[in-house]
Amino acid sequence: MADHPRAPVGQRYQFRYLVNGTDWHNDWTADAYVPNQQGSDNSVVIT
């Protein structure tokens, strides 16, 4: 069985996926979305 990193419980992490080196995409199954400084939204996962 492989070791997997674990994030602390009760935290919120913002992220986006970079596709083809130029296009940013959200995870449409994220726990939430928050506005970012570029005028779009970041995906959020809540641990």
N, C-alpha and C. Protein backbone atom coordinates (compact mmCIF):
# COMPACT_ATOMS: atom_id res chain seq x y z
N MET A 1 0.85 -1.18 0.00
CA MET A 1 0.00 0.00 0.00
C MET A 1 0.89 1.24 0.00
N ALA A 2 0.58 2.19 -0.85
CA ALA A 2 1.37 3.41 -0.97
C ALA A 2 1.03 4.39 0.15
N ASP A 3 2.03 5.16 0.53
CA ASP A 3 1.81 6.24 1.48
C ASP A 3 1.20 7.44 0.76
N HIS A 4 0.20 8.06 1.35
CA HIS A 4 -0.43 9.24 0.76
C HIS A 4 -0.33 10.39 1.75
N PRO A 5 0.01 11.58 1.26
CA PRO A 5 0.06 12.73 2.18
C PRO A 5 -1.32 13.03 2.76
N ARG A 6 -1.35 13.47 3.97
CA ARG A 6 -2.61 13.80 4.63
C ARG A 6 -2.61 15.27 5.01
N ALA A 7 -3.69 15.94 4.72
CA ALA A 7 -3.84 17.35 5.10
C ALA A 7 -4.51 17.40 6.47
N PRO A 8 -4.16 18.38 7.29
CA PRO A 8 -4.80 18.52 8.60
C PRO A 8 -6.32 18.69 8.45
N VAL A 9 -7.06 18.09 9.35
CA VAL A 9 -8.52 18.15 9.34
C VAL A 9 -8.98 19.57 9.70
N GLY A 10 -10.05 20.01 9.06
CA GLY A 10 -10.64 21.30 9.37
C GLY A 10 -10.01 22.48 8.64
N GLN A 11 -9.22 22.19 7.61
CA GLN A 11 -8.57 23.26 6.84
C GLN A 11 -9.26 23.44 5.49
N ARG A 12 -9.06 24.61 4.89
CA ARG A 12 -9.58 24.92 3.55
C ARG A 12 -8.40 25.20 2.64
N TYR A 13 -8.37 24.55 1.49
CA TYR A 13 -7.28 24.73 0.53
C TYR A 13 -7.86 25.16 -0.81
N GLN A 14 -7.30 26.24 -1.36
CA GLN A 14 -7.73 26.74 -2.67
C GLN A 14 -6.83 26.16 -3.74
N PHE A 15 -7.41 25.86 -4.91
CA PHE A 15 -6.62 25.31 -6.00
C PHE A 15 -7.33 25.49 -7.33
N ARG A 16 -6.56 25.36 -8.39
CA ARG A 16 -7.06 25.31 -9.77
C ARG A 16 -6.15 24.36 -10.53
N TYR A 17 -6.63 23.84 -11.66
CA TYR A 17 -5.84 22.96 -12.51
C TYR A 17 -5.32 23.73 -13.72
N LEU A 18 -4.03 23.63 -14.00
CA LEU A 18 -3.44 24.23 -15.19
C LEU A 18 -3.43 23.17 -16.29
N VAL A 19 -4.15 23.43 -17.38
CA VAL A 19 -4.29 22.48 -18.48
C VAL A 19 -3.55 23.01 -19.70
N ASN A 20 -2.77 22.18 -20.35
CA ASN A 20 -2.02 22.54 -21.56
C ASN A 20 -1.06 23.70 -21.35
N GLY A 21 -0.71 23.98 -20.11
CA GLY A 21 0.25 25.04 -19.83
C GLY A 21 -0.30 26.45 -19.94
N THR A 22 -1.59 26.60 -20.30
CA THR A 22 -2.14 27.94 -20.49
C THR A 22 -3.53 28.15 -19.91
N ASP A 23 -4.32 27.12 -19.81
CA ASP A 23 -5.73 27.26 -19.41
C ASP A 23 -5.93 26.78 -17.98
N TRP A 24 -6.59 27.63 -17.18
CA TRP A 24 -6.90 27.28 -15.80
C TRP A 24 -8.34 26.78 -15.70
N HIS A 25 -8.53 25.66 -14.99
CA HIS A 25 -9.86 25.07 -14.82
C HIS A 25 -10.13 24.80 -13.35
N ASN A 26 -11.39 24.89 -12.97
CA ASN A 26 -11.81 24.53 -11.62
C ASN A 26 -12.21 23.07 -11.56
N ASP A 27 -12.24 22.55 -10.36
CA ASP A 27 -12.79 21.23 -10.09
C ASP A 27 -14.28 21.45 -9.80
N TRP A 28 -15.14 20.99 -10.69
CA TRP A 28 -16.57 21.27 -10.56
C TRP A 28 -17.24 20.43 -9.49
N THR A 29 -16.46 19.58 -8.79
CA THR A 29 -17.00 18.85 -7.63
C THR A 29 -16.36 19.36 -6.34
N ALA A 30 -15.76 20.56 -6.39
CA ALA A 30 -15.12 21.14 -5.20
C ALA A 30 -16.15 21.39 -4.10
N ASP A 31 -15.66 21.51 -2.88
CA ASP A 31 -16.54 21.78 -1.73
C ASP A 31 -17.08 23.20 -1.75
N ALA A 32 -16.34 24.12 -2.35
CA ALA A 32 -16.75 25.53 -2.41
C ALA A 32 -15.92 26.22 -3.49
N TYR A 33 -16.24 27.48 -3.73
CA TYR A 33 -15.50 28.32 -4.68
C TYR A 33 -15.34 29.69 -4.06
N VAL A 34 -14.17 30.31 -4.27
CA VAL A 34 -13.93 31.66 -3.75
C VAL A 34 -13.33 32.51 -4.86
N PRO A 35 -13.68 33.80 -4.89
CA PRO A 35 -13.10 34.69 -5.91
C PRO A 35 -11.59 34.81 -5.72
N ASN A 36 -10.87 34.95 -6.84
CA ASN A 36 -9.43 35.17 -6.76
C ASN A 36 -9.08 36.54 -7.33
N GLN A 37 -7.82 36.91 -7.28
CA GLN A 37 -7.37 38.24 -7.70
C GLN A 37 -7.37 38.42 -9.22
N GLN A 38 -7.56 37.34 -9.98
CA GLN A 38 -7.57 37.42 -11.44
C GLN A 38 -8.99 37.60 -11.99
N GLY A 39 -9.96 37.72 -11.12
CA GLY A 39 -11.33 37.93 -11.56
C GLY A 39 -12.12 36.67 -11.85
N SER A 40 -11.58 35.52 -11.46
CA SER A 40 -12.33 34.27 -11.60
C SER A 40 -12.43 33.63 -10.22
N ASP A 41 -12.75 32.36 -10.15
CA ASP A 41 -12.91 31.67 -8.87
C ASP A 41 -11.87 30.57 -8.71
N ASN A 42 -11.49 30.30 -7.48
CA ASN A 42 -10.67 29.14 -7.14
C ASN A 42 -11.58 28.06 -6.57
N SER A 43 -11.22 26.82 -6.83
CA SER A 43 -11.88 25.69 -6.18
C SER A 43 -11.37 25.61 -4.74
N VAL A 44 -12.20 25.08 -3.85
CA VAL A 44 -11.82 24.91 -2.45
C VAL A 44 -12.13 23.48 -2.04
N VAL A 45 -11.18 22.85 -1.36
CA VAL A 45 -11.44 21.56 -0.72
C VAL A 45 -11.35 21.79 0.78
N ILE A 46 -12.30 21.22 1.51
CA ILE A 46 -12.33 21.34 2.97
C ILE A 46 -12.01 19.97 3.53
N THR A 47 -10.97 19.91 4.36
CA THR A 47 -10.53 18.61 4.89
C THR A 47 -11.25 18.28 6.18
